[in-house]
Amino acid sequence: MADWMRDLAVGQWYDMGQGPVEVVGIDVDSEVVLVQHFDGELEEFEFDAWMELRAQPIAPPEDWTGAMGCTREEVDDGVADVPRVGRWDDPLDRIDQDIH
């Protein structure tokens, strides 16, 4: 395995100079890196092309909702409606409850 591949992992974010991208797939057999741009667009790079990009690892963006096609408010709105389950609660006790 090439040295540059040791740090490459699915879920890692990179700056390619055009905004942040997340690695969403690595196909070693086909020698392809699949990335998802912040706006949701997918793009493939052959290993040679990926090395030429010299993409730099970065921390994930604070607002990760861009690729999800929703706003932070839409995500936050649904969280309060989900019932909290305690550590020792049996999830099967809630199977017939409608949480929508």
PDB file of N, CA and C in Angstrom:
ATOM      1  N   MET A   1       0.846  -1.184   0.000  1.00  0.00           N
ATOM      2  CA  MET A   1       0.000   0.000   0.000  1.00  0.00           C
ATOM      3  C   MET A   1       0.886   1.240   0.000  1.00  0.00           C
ATOM      4  N   ALA A   2       0.502   2.203  -0.798  1.00  0.00           N
ATOM      5  CA  ALA A   2       1.248   3.459  -0.882  1.00  0.00           C
ATOM      6  C   ALA A   2       1.115   4.243   0.417  1.00  0.00           C
ATOM      7  N   ASP A   3       2.142   5.003   0.743  1.00  0.00           N
ATOM      8  CA  ASP A   3       2.148   5.783   1.988  1.00  0.00           C
ATOM      9  C   ASP A   3       0.981   6.758   2.061  1.00  0.00           C
ATOM     10  N   TRP A   4       0.612   7.385   0.929  1.00  0.00           N
ATOM     11  CA  TRP A   4      -0.443   8.395   0.949  1.00  0.00           C
ATOM     12  C   TRP A   4      -1.803   7.780   1.289  1.00  0.00           C
ATOM     13  N   MET A   5      -1.945   6.467   1.078  1.00  0.00           N
ATOM     14  CA  MET A   5      -3.235   5.813   1.345  1.00  0.00           C
ATOM     15  C   MET A   5      -3.437   5.489   2.815  1.00  0.00           C
ATOM     16  N   ARG A   6      -2.387   5.528   3.602  1.00  0.00           N
ATOM     17  CA  ARG A   6      -2.513   5.185   5.025  1.00  0.00           C
ATOM     18  C   ARG A   6      -3.481   6.114   5.757  1.00  0.00           C
ATOM     19  N   ASP A   7      -3.505   7.386   5.377  1.00  0.00           N
ATOM     20  CA  ASP A   7      -4.363   8.360   6.050  1.00  0.00           C
ATOM     21  C   ASP A   7      -5.713   8.512   5.374  1.00  0.00           C
ATOM     22  N   LEU A   8      -5.884   7.934   4.193  1.00  0.00           N
ATOM     23  CA  LEU A   8      -7.136   8.057   3.451  1.00  0.00           C
ATOM     24  C   LEU A   8      -8.175   7.104   4.033  1.00  0.00           C
ATOM     25  N   ALA A   9      -9.327   7.640   4.421  1.00  0.00           N
ATOM     26  CA  ALA A   9     -10.367   6.807   5.012  1.00  0.00           C
ATOM     27  C   ALA A   9     -11.742   7.383   4.687  1.00  0.00           C
ATOM     28  N   VAL A  10     -12.705   6.506   4.563  1.00  0.00           N
ATOM     29  CA  VAL A  10     -14.084   6.938   4.365  1.00  0.00           C
ATOM     30  C   VAL A  10     -14.499   7.759   5.585  1.00  0.00           C
ATOM     31  N   GLY A  11     -15.133   8.897   5.330  1.00  0.00           N
ATOM     32  CA  GLY A  11     -15.548   9.794   6.405  1.00  0.00           C
ATOM     33  C   GLY A  11     -14.588  10.952   6.629  1.00  0.00           C
ATOM     34  N   GLN A  12     -13.378  10.853   6.079  1.00  0.00           N
ATOM     35  CA  GLN A  12     -12.391  11.928   6.219  1.00  0.00           C
ATOM     36  C   GLN A  12     -12.750  13.073   5.283  1.00  0.00           C
ATOM     37  N   TRP A  13     -12.613  14.295   5.759  1.00  0.00           N
ATOM     38  CA  TRP A  13     -12.884  15.497   4.966  1.00  0.00           C
ATOM     39  C   TRP A  13     -11.577  16.058   4.433  1.00  0.00           C
ATOM     40  N   TYR A  14     -11.643  16.603   3.203  1.00  0.00           N
ATOM     41  CA  TYR A  14     -10.463  17.179   2.561  1.00  0.00           C
ATOM     42  C   TYR A  14     -10.816  18.519   1.941  1.00  0.00           C
ATOM     43  N   ASP A  15      -9.799  19.372   1.852  1.00  0.00           N
ATOM     44  CA  ASP A  15      -9.925  20.640   1.132  1.00  0.00           C
ATOM     45  C   ASP A  15      -9.175  20.483  -0.176  1.00  0.00           C
ATOM     46  N   MET A  16      -9.909  20.627  -1.283  1.00  0.00           N
ATOM     47  CA  MET A  16      -9.295  20.519  -2.603  1.00  0.00           C
ATOM     48  C   MET A  16      -9.160  21.885  -3.252  1.00  0.00           C
ATOM     49  N   GLY A  17      -9.362  22.951  -2.480  1.00  0.00           N
ATOM     50  CA  GLY A  17      -9.269  24.295  -3.020  1.00  0.00           C
ATOM     51  C   GLY A  17     -10.578  24.805  -3.595  1.00  0.00           C
ATOM     52  N   GLN A  18     -11.595  23.949  -3.668  1.00  0.00           N
ATOM     53  CA  GLN A  18     -12.907  24.332  -4.201  1.00  0.00           C
ATOM     54  C   GLN A  18     -13.999  24.135  -3.159  1.00  0.00           C
ATOM     55  N   GLY A  19     -13.636  24.048  -1.917  1.00  0.00           N
ATOM     56  CA  GLY A  19     -14.591  23.766  -0.857  1.00  0.00           C
ATOM     57  C   GLY A  19     -14.356  22.369  -0.307  1.00  0.00           C
ATOM     58  N   PRO A  20     -14.969  22.069   0.827  1.00  0.00           N
ATOM     59  CA  PRO A  20     -14.725  20.785   1.480  1.00  0.00           C
ATOM     60  C   PRO A  20     -15.384  19.627   0.745  1.00  0.00           C
ATOM     61  N   VAL A  21     -14.716  18.470   0.774  1.00  0.00           N
ATOM     62  CA  VAL A  21     -15.275  17.226   0.251  1.00  0.00           C
ATOM     63  C   VAL A  21     -15.063  16.138   1.289  1.00  0.00           C
ATOM     64  N   GLU A  22     -15.969  15.166   1.287  1.00  0.00           N
ATOM     65  CA  GLU A  22     -15.856  14.023   2.186  1.00  0.00           C
ATOM     66  C   GLU A  22     -15.601  12.773   1.360  1.00  0.00           C
ATOM     67  N   VAL A  23     -14.664  11.953   1.791  1.00  0.00           N
ATOM     68  CA  VAL A  23     -14.433  10.679   1.125  1.00  0.00           C
ATOM     69  C   VAL A  23     -15.569   9.744   1.532  1.00  0.00           C
ATOM     70  N   VAL A  24     -16.311   9.265   0.536  1.00  0.00           N
ATOM     71  CA  VAL A  24     -17.445   8.376   0.817  1.00  0.00           C
ATOM     72  C   VAL A  24     -17.216   6.964   0.295  1.00  0.00           C
ATOM     73  N   GLY A  25     -16.113   6.755  -0.413  1.00  0.00           N
ATOM     74  CA  GLY A  25     -15.807   5.420  -0.885  1.00  0.00           C
ATOM     75  C   GLY A  25     -14.396   5.336  -1.426  1.00  0.00           C
ATOM     76  N   ILE A  26     -13.799   4.171  -1.242  1.00  0.00           N
ATOM     77  CA  ILE A  26     -12.467   3.893  -1.784  1.00  0.00           C
ATOM     78  C   ILE A  26     -12.535   2.502  -2.384  1.00  0.00           C
ATOM     79  N   ASP A  27     -12.290   2.407  -3.680  1.00  0.00           N
ATOM     80  CA  ASP A  27     -12.282   1.122  -4.365  1.00  0.00           C
ATOM     81  C   ASP A  27     -10.847   0.809  -4.748  1.00  0.00           C
ATOM     82  N   VAL A  28     -10.208  -0.039  -3.957  1.00  0.00           N
ATOM     83  CA  VAL A  28      -8.796  -0.357  -4.170  1.00  0.00           C
ATOM     84  C   VAL A  28      -8.617  -1.140  -5.467  1.00  0.00           C
ATOM     85  N   ASP A  29      -9.556  -2.029  -5.774  1.00  0.00           N
ATOM     86  CA  ASP A  29      -9.436  -2.832  -6.994  1.00  0.00           C
ATOM     87  C   ASP A  29      -9.486  -1.959  -8.248  1.00  0.00           C
ATOM     88  N   SER A  30     -10.390  -0.984  -8.269  1.00  0.00           N
ATOM     89  CA  SER A  30     -10.522  -0.086  -9.428  1.00  0.00           C
ATOM     90  C   SER A  30      -9.626   1.137  -9.317  1.00  0.00           C
ATOM     91  N   GLU A  31      -8.977   1.291  -8.159  1.00  0.00           N
ATOM     92  CA  GLU A  31      -8.104   2.436  -7.876  1.00  0.00           C
ATOM     93  C   GLU A  31      -8.844   3.756  -8.040  1.00  0.00           C
ATOM     94  N   VAL A  32      -9.974   3.860  -7.303  1.00  0.00           N
ATOM     95  CA  VAL A  32     -10.827   5.043  -7.392  1.00  0.00           C
ATOM     96  C   VAL A  32     -11.161   5.542  -5.984  1.00  0.00           C
ATOM     97  N   VAL A  33     -11.125   6.862  -5.821  1.00  0.00           N
ATOM     98  CA  VAL A  33     -11.587   7.529  -4.599  1.00  0.00           C
ATOM     99  C   VAL A  33     -12.878   8.247  -4.956  1.00  0.00           C
ATOM    100  N   LEU A  34     -13.953   7.971  -4.210  1.00  0.00           N
ATOM    101  CA  LEU A  34     -15.245   8.630  -4.430  1.00  0.00           C
ATOM    102  C   LEU A  34     -15.437   9.672  -3.336  1.00  0.00           C
ATOM    103  N   VAL A  35     -15.677  10.920  -3.756  1.00  0.00           N
ATOM    104  CA  VAL A  35     -15.889  12.001  -2.787  1.00  0.00           C
ATOM    105  C   VAL A  35     -17.259  12.619  -3.009  1.00  0.00           C
ATOM    106  N   GLN A  36     -17.766  13.211  -1.944  1.00  0.00           N
ATOM    107  CA  GLN A  36     -19.022  13.952  -2.023  1.00  0.00           C
ATOM    108  C   GLN A  36     -18.732  15.393  -1.637  1.00  0.00           C
ATOM    109  N   HIS A  37     -19.067  16.300  -2.558  1.00  0.00           N
ATOM    110  CA  HIS A  37     -18.909  17.722  -2.277  1.00  0.00           C
ATOM    111  C   HIS A  37     -19.951  18.155  -1.262  1.00  0.00           C
ATOM    112  N   PHE A  38     -19.730  19.288  -0.639  1.00  0.00           N
ATOM    113  CA  PHE A  38     -20.627  19.797   0.399  1.00  0.00           C
ATOM    114  C   PHE A  38     -22.059  19.963  -0.103  1.00  0.00           C
ATOM    115  N   ASP A  39     -22.211  20.261  -1.409  1.00  0.00           N
ATOM    116  CA  ASP A  39     -23.559  20.439  -1.964  1.00  0.00           C
ATOM    117  C   ASP A  39     -24.221  19.121  -2.340  1.00  0.00           C
ATOM    118  N   GLY A  40     -23.537  17.993  -2.130  1.00  0.00           N
ATOM    119  CA  GLY A  40     -24.114  16.682  -2.391  1.00  0.00           C
ATOM    120  C   GLY A  40     -23.626  16.021  -3.662  1.00  0.00           C
ATOM    121  N   GLU A  41     -22.937  16.753  -4.530  1.00  0.00           N
ATOM    122  CA  GLU A  41     -22.448  16.196  -5.795  1.00  0.00           C
ATOM    123  C   GLU A  41     -21.360  15.149  -5.529  1.00  0.00           C
ATOM    124  N   LEU A  42     -21.465  14.019  -6.229  1.00  0.00           N
ATOM    125  CA  LEU A  42     -20.462  12.961  -6.124  1.00  0.00           C
ATOM    126  C   LEU A  42     -19.458  13.078  -7.258  1.00  0.00           C
ATOM    127  N   GLU A  43     -18.214  12.731  -6.948  1.00  0.00           N
ATOM    128  CA  GLU A  43     -17.168  12.793  -7.967  1.00  0.00           C
ATOM    129  C   GLU A  43     -16.151  11.690  -7.692  1.00  0.00           C
ATOM    130  N   GLU A  44     -15.686  11.049  -8.757  1.00  0.00           N
ATOM    131  CA  GLU A  44     -14.680   9.997  -8.652  1.00  0.00           C
ATOM    132  C   GLU A  44     -13.330  10.514  -9.124  1.00  0.00           C
ATOM    133  N   PHE A  45     -12.287  10.041  -8.472  1.00  0.00           N
ATOM    134  CA  PHE A  45     -10.919  10.363  -8.869  1.00  0.00           C
ATOM    135  C   PHE A  45     -10.122   9.075  -8.899  1.00  0.00           C
ATOM    136  N   GLU A  46      -9.406   8.856  -9.978  1.00  0.00           N
ATOM    137  CA  GLU A  46      -8.457   7.755 -10.003  1.00  0.00           C
ATOM    138  C   GLU A  46      -7.342   8.090  -9.029  1.00  0.00           C
ATOM    139  N   PHE A  47      -6.687   7.068  -8.509  1.00  0.00           N
ATOM    140  CA  PHE A  47      -5.649   7.279  -7.509  1.00  0.00           C
ATOM    141  C   PHE A  47      -4.605   8.286  -7.984  1.00  0.00           C
ATOM    142  N   ASP A  48      -4.157   8.178  -9.228  1.00  0.00           N
ATOM    143  CA  ASP A  48      -3.143   9.106  -9.739  1.00  0.00           C
ATOM    144  C   ASP A  48      -3.640  10.545  -9.716  1.00  0.00           C
ATOM    145  N   ALA A  49      -4.890  10.746 -10.133  1.00  0.00           N
ATOM    146  CA  ALA A  49      -5.470  12.094 -10.137  1.00  0.00           C
ATOM    147  C   ALA A  49      -5.628  12.615  -8.708  1.00  0.00           C
ATOM    148  N   TRP A  50      -6.009  11.739  -7.780  1.00  0.00           N
ATOM    149  CA  TRP A  50      -6.172  12.142  -6.377  1.00  0.00           C
ATOM    150  C   TRP A  50      -4.841  12.625  -5.807  1.00  0.00           C
ATOM    151  N   MET A  51      -3.765  11.920  -6.113  1.00  0.00           N
ATOM    152  CA  MET A  51      -2.455  12.327  -5.614  1.00  0.00           C
ATOM    153  C   MET A  51      -2.043  13.675  -6.186  1.00  0.00           C
ATOM    154  N   GLU A  52      -2.378  13.938  -7.446  1.00  0.00           N
ATOM    155  CA  GLU A  52      -2.024  15.214  -8.079  1.00  0.00           C
ATOM    156  C   GLU A  52      -2.795  16.386  -7.473  1.00  0.00           C
ATOM    157  N   LEU A  53      -3.974  16.122  -6.923  1.00  0.00           N
ATOM    158  CA  LEU A  53      -4.782  17.190  -6.310  1.00  0.00           C
ATOM    159  C   LEU A  53      -4.121  17.752  -5.056  1.00  0.00           C
ATOM    160  N   ARG A  54      -3.354  16.915  -4.392  1.00  0.00           N
ATOM    161  CA  ARG A  54      -2.725  17.295  -3.122  1.00  0.00           C
ATOM    162  C   ARG A  54      -3.763  17.835  -2.135  1.00  0.00           C
ATOM    163  N   ALA A  55      -4.883  17.137  -2.055  1.00  0.00           N
ATOM    164  CA  ALA A  55      -5.952  17.516  -1.129  1.00  0.00           C
ATOM    165  C   ALA A  55      -5.441  17.409   0.306  1.00  0.00           C
ATOM    166  N   GLN A  56      -5.794  18.396   1.110  1.00  0.00           N
ATOM    167  CA  GLN A  56      -5.338  18.455   2.496  1.00  0.00           C
ATOM    168  C   GLN A  56      -6.453  18.031   3.448  1.00  0.00           C
ATOM    169  N   PRO A  57      -6.162  17.127   4.388  1.00  0.00           N
ATOM    170  CA  PRO A  57      -7.187  16.732   5.361  1.00  0.00           C
ATOM    171  C   PRO A  57      -7.604  17.929   6.211  1.00  0.00           C
ATOM    172  N   ILE A  58      -8.900  18.018   6.466  1.00  0.00           N
ATOM    173  CA  ILE A  58      -9.446  19.104   7.303  1.00  0.00           C
ATOM    174  C   ILE A  58     -10.464  18.517   8.271  1.00  0.00           C
ATOM    175  N   ALA A  59     -10.834  19.311   9.250  1.00  0.00           N
ATOM    176  CA  ALA A  59     -11.897  18.912  10.178  1.00  0.00           C
ATOM    177  C   ALA A  59     -13.235  19.004   9.449  1.00  0.00           C
ATOM    178  N   PRO A  60     -14.203  18.177   9.822  1.00  0.00           N
ATOM    179  CA  PRO A  60     -15.525  18.275   9.193  1.00  0.00           C
ATOM    180  C   PRO A  60     -16.107  19.666   9.418  1.00  0.00           C
ATOM    181  N   PRO A  61     -16.875  20.173   8.453  1.00  0.00           N
ATOM    182  CA  PRO A  61     -17.476  21.496   8.647  1.00  0.00           C
ATOM    183  C   PRO A  61     -18.486  21.468   9.789  1.00  0.00           C
ATOM    184  N   GLU A  62     -18.633  22.598  10.470  1.00  0.00           N
ATOM    185  CA  GLU A  62     -19.621  22.673  11.555  1.00  0.00           C
ATOM    186  C   GLU A  62     -21.024  22.446  11.032  1.00  0.00           C
ATOM    187  N   ASP A  63     -21.334  23.018   9.889  1.00  0.00           N
ATOM    188  CA  ASP A  63     -22.653  22.861   9.290  1.00  0.00           C
ATOM    189  C   ASP A  63     -22.562  21.778   8.220  1.00  0.00           C
ATOM    190  N   TRP A  64     -22.834  20.543   8.622  1.00  0.00           N
ATOM    191  CA  TRP A  64     -22.697  19.397   7.730  1.00  0.00           C
ATOM    192  C   TRP A  64     -23.965  19.129   6.933  1.00  0.00           C
ATOM    193  N   THR A  65     -24.985  19.976   7.050  1.00  0.00           N
ATOM    194  CA  THR A  65     -26.278  19.707   6.419  1.00  0.00           C
ATOM    195  C   THR A  65     -26.311  19.982   4.928  1.00  0.00           C
ATOM    196  N   GLY A  66     -25.276  20.595   4.349  1.00  0.00           N
ATOM    197  CA  GLY A  66     -25.277  20.930   2.925  1.00  0.00           C
ATOM    198  C   GLY A  66     -25.517  19.728   2.040  1.00  0.00           C
ATOM    199  N   ALA A  67     -24.806  18.654   2.274  1.00  0.00           N
ATOM    200  CA  ALA A  67     -24.943  17.459   1.450  1.00  0.00           C
ATOM    201  C   ALA A  67     -26.226  16.695   1.755  1.00  0.00           C
ATOM    202  N   MET A  68     -26.860  17.001   2.852  1.00  0.00           N
ATOM    203  CA  MET A  68     -28.079  16.291   3.223  1.00  0.00           C
ATOM    204  C   MET A  68     -29.317  16.883   2.560  1.00  0.00           C
ATOM    205  N   GLY A  69     -29.188  18.045   1.938  1.00  0.00           N
ATOM    206  CA  GLY A  69     -30.331  18.659   1.276  1.00  0.00           C
ATOM    207  C   GLY A  69     -31.349  19.219   2.248  1.00  0.00           C
ATOM    208  N   CYS A  70     -30.903  19.621   3.425  1.00  0.00           N
ATOM    209  CA  CYS A  70     -31.809  20.200   4.413  1.00  0.00           C
ATOM    210  C   CYS A  70     -31.071  21.295   5.165  1.00  0.00           C
ATOM    211  N   THR A  71     -31.811  22.042   5.938  1.00  0.00           N
ATOM    212  CA  THR A  71     -31.207  23.090   6.749  1.00  0.00           C
ATOM    213  C   THR A  71     -31.026  22.585   8.169  1.00  0.00           C
ATOM    214  N   ARG A  72     -30.185  23.259   8.917  1.00  0.00           N
ATOM    215  CA  ARG A  72     -29.971  22.872  10.318  1.00  0.00           C
ATOM    216  C   ARG A  72     -31.280  22.944  11.109  1.00  0.00           C
ATOM    217  N   GLU A  73     -32.132  23.927  10.799  1.00  0.00           N
ATOM    218  CA  GLU A  73     -33.403  24.068  11.505  1.00  0.00           C
ATOM    219  C   GLU A  73     -34.302  22.850  11.253  1.00  0.00           C
ATOM    220  N   GLU A  74     -34.301  22.331  10.020  1.00  0.00           N
ATOM    221  CA  GLU A  74     -35.108  21.149   9.721  1.00  0.00           C
ATOM    222  C   GLU A  74     -34.629  19.944  10.519  1.00  0.00           C
ATOM    223  N   VAL A  75     -33.321  19.814  10.670  1.00  0.00           N
ATOM    224  CA  VAL A  75     -32.772  18.704  11.441  1.00  0.00           C
ATOM    225  C   VAL A  75     -33.107  18.880  12.911  1.00  0.00           C
ATOM    226  N   ASP A  76     -32.923  20.087  13.441  1.00  0.00           N
ATOM    227  CA  ASP A  76     -33.186  20.346  14.852  1.00  0.00           C
ATOM    228  C   ASP A  76     -34.657  20.199  15.200  1.00  0.00           C
ATOM    229  N   ASP A  77     -35.558  20.523  14.270  1.00  0.00           N
ATOM    230  CA  ASP A  77     -36.988  20.427  14.547  1.00  0.00           C
ATOM    231  C   ASP A  77     -37.417  19.009  14.871  1.00  0.00           C
ATOM    232  N   GLY A  78     -36.877  18.022  14.202  1.00  0.00           N
ATOM    233  CA  GLY A  78     -37.303  16.643  14.398  1.00  0.00           C
ATOM    234  C   GLY A  78     -36.745  15.986  15.634  1.00  0.00           C
ATOM    235  N   VAL A  79     -35.681  16.525  16.202  1.00  0.00           N
ATOM    236  CA  VAL A  79     -35.020  15.875  17.327  1.00  0.00           C
ATOM    237  C   VAL A  79     -35.894  15.847  18.573  1.00  0.00           C
ATOM    238  N   ALA A  80     -36.620  16.912  18.842  1.00  0.00           N
ATOM    239  CA  ALA A  80     -37.423  16.987  20.062  1.00  0.00           C
ATOM    240  C   ALA A  80     -38.596  16.019  20.034  1.00  0.00           C
ATOM    241  N   ASP A  81     -39.038  15.586  18.853  1.00  0.00           N
ATOM    242  CA  ASP A  81     -40.194  14.714  18.742  1.00  0.00           C
ATOM    243  C   ASP A  81     -39.877  13.248  19.004  1.00  0.00           C
ATOM    244  N   VAL A  82     -38.607  12.898  19.013  1.00  0.00           N
ATOM    245  CA  VAL A  82     -38.225  11.510  19.213  1.00  0.00           C
ATOM    246  C   VAL A  82     -38.192  11.223  20.705  1.00  0.00           C
ATOM    247  N   PRO A  83     -38.934  10.195  21.153  1.00  0.00           N
ATOM    248  CA  PRO A  83     -38.926   9.896  22.585  1.00  0.00           C
ATOM    249  C   PRO A  83     -37.556   9.391  23.021  1.00  0.00           C
ATOM    250  N   ARG A  84     -37.134   9.818  24.168  1.00  0.00           N
ATOM    251  CA  ARG A  84     -35.852   9.384  24.707  1.00  0.00           C
ATOM    252  C   ARG A  84     -36.035   8.021  25.376  1.00  0.00           C
ATOM    253  N   VAL A  85     -35.129   7.132  25.080  1.00  0.00           N
ATOM    254  CA  VAL A  85     -35.179   5.800  25.658  1.00  0.00           C
ATOM    255  C   VAL A  85     -34.050   5.700  26.660  1.00  0.00           C
ATOM    256  N   GLY A  86     -34.383   5.243  27.846  1.00  0.00           N
ATOM    257  CA  GLY A  86     -33.369   5.074  28.870  1.00  0.00           C
ATOM    258  C   GLY A  86     -32.482   3.881  28.586  1.00  0.00           C
ATOM    259  N   ARG A  87     -31.401   3.817  29.268  1.00  0.00           N
ATOM    260  CA  ARG A  87     -30.430   2.757  29.040  1.00  0.00           C
ATOM    261  C   ARG A  87     -31.029   1.378  29.264  1.00  0.00           C
ATOM    262  N   TRP A  88     -31.909   1.254  30.221  1.00  0.00           N
ATOM    263  CA  TRP A  88     -32.442  -0.059  30.574  1.00  0.00           C
ATOM    264  C   TRP A  88     -33.841  -0.293  30.019  1.00  0.00           C
ATOM    265  N   ASP A  89     -34.371   0.655  29.242  1.00  0.00           N
ATOM    266  CA  ASP A  89     -35.682   0.463  28.631  1.00  0.00           C
ATOM    267  C   ASP A  89     -35.603  -0.593  27.537  1.00  0.00           C
ATOM    268  N   ASP A  90     -36.670  -1.353  27.402  1.00  0.00           N
ATOM    269  CA  ASP A  90     -36.750  -2.354  26.341  1.00  0.00           C
ATOM    270  C   ASP A  90     -37.383  -1.701  25.124  1.00  0.00           C
ATOM    271  N   PRO A  91     -36.672  -1.600  24.005  1.00  0.00           N
ATOM    272  CA  PRO A  91     -37.227  -0.941  22.818  1.00  0.00           C
ATOM    273  C   PRO A  91     -38.475  -1.642  22.285  1.00  0.00           C
ATOM    274  N   LEU A  92     -38.635  -2.911  22.592  1.00  0.00           N
ATOM    275  CA  LEU A  92     -39.830  -3.630  22.137  1.00  0.00           C
ATOM    276  C   LEU A  92     -41.090  -3.137  22.847  1.00  0.00           C
ATOM    277  N   ASP A  93     -40.942  -2.500  24.027  1.00  0.00           N
ATOM    278  CA  ASP A  93     -42.098  -1.928  24.722  1.00  0.00           C
ATOM    279  C   ASP A  93     -42.698  -0.787  23.922  1.00  0.00           C
ATOM    280  N   ARG A  94     -41.928  -0.162  23.046  1.00  0.00           N
ATOM    281  CA  ARG A  94     -42.374   0.994  22.289  1.00  0.00           C
ATOM    282  C   ARG A  94     -42.705   0.663  20.824  1.00  0.00           C
ATOM    283  N   ILE A  95     -42.732  -0.608  20.493  1.00  0.00           N
ATOM    284  CA  ILE A  95     -42.872  -0.989  19.101  1.00  0.00           C
ATOM    285  C   ILE A  95     -44.203  -0.560  18.472  1.00  0.00           C
ATOM    286  N   ASP A  96     -45.258  -0.510  19.265  1.00  0.00           N
ATOM    287  CA  ASP A  96     -46.565  -0.127  18.740  1.00  0.00           C
ATOM    288  C   ASP A  96     -46.850   1.358  18.841  1.00  0.00           C
ATOM    289  N   GLN A  97     -45.931   2.132  19.412  1.00  0.00           N
ATOM    290  CA  GLN A  97     -46.160   3.570  19.545  1.00  0.00           C
ATOM    291  C   GLN A  97     -45.830   4.270  18.235  1.00  0.00           C
ATOM    292  N   ASP A  98     -46.618   5.254  17.898  1.00  0.00           N
ATOM    293  CA  ASP A  98     -46.387   6.061  16.698  1.00  0.00           C
ATOM    294  C   ASP A  98     -45.588   7.287  17.117  1.00  0.00           C
ATOM    295  N   ILE A  99     -44.370   7.430  16.585  1.00  0.00           N
ATOM    296  CA  ILE A  99     -43.515   8.570  16.978  1.00  0.00           C
ATOM    297  C   ILE A  99     -43.494   9.650  15.930  1.00  0.00           C
ATOM    298  N   HIS A 100     -44.370   9.609  14.950  1.00  0.00           N
ATOM    299  CA  HIS A 100     -44.376  10.612  13.879  1.00  0.00           C
ATOM    300  C   HIS A 100     -45.113  11.830  14.312  1.00  0.00           C
TER     301      HIS A 100
END
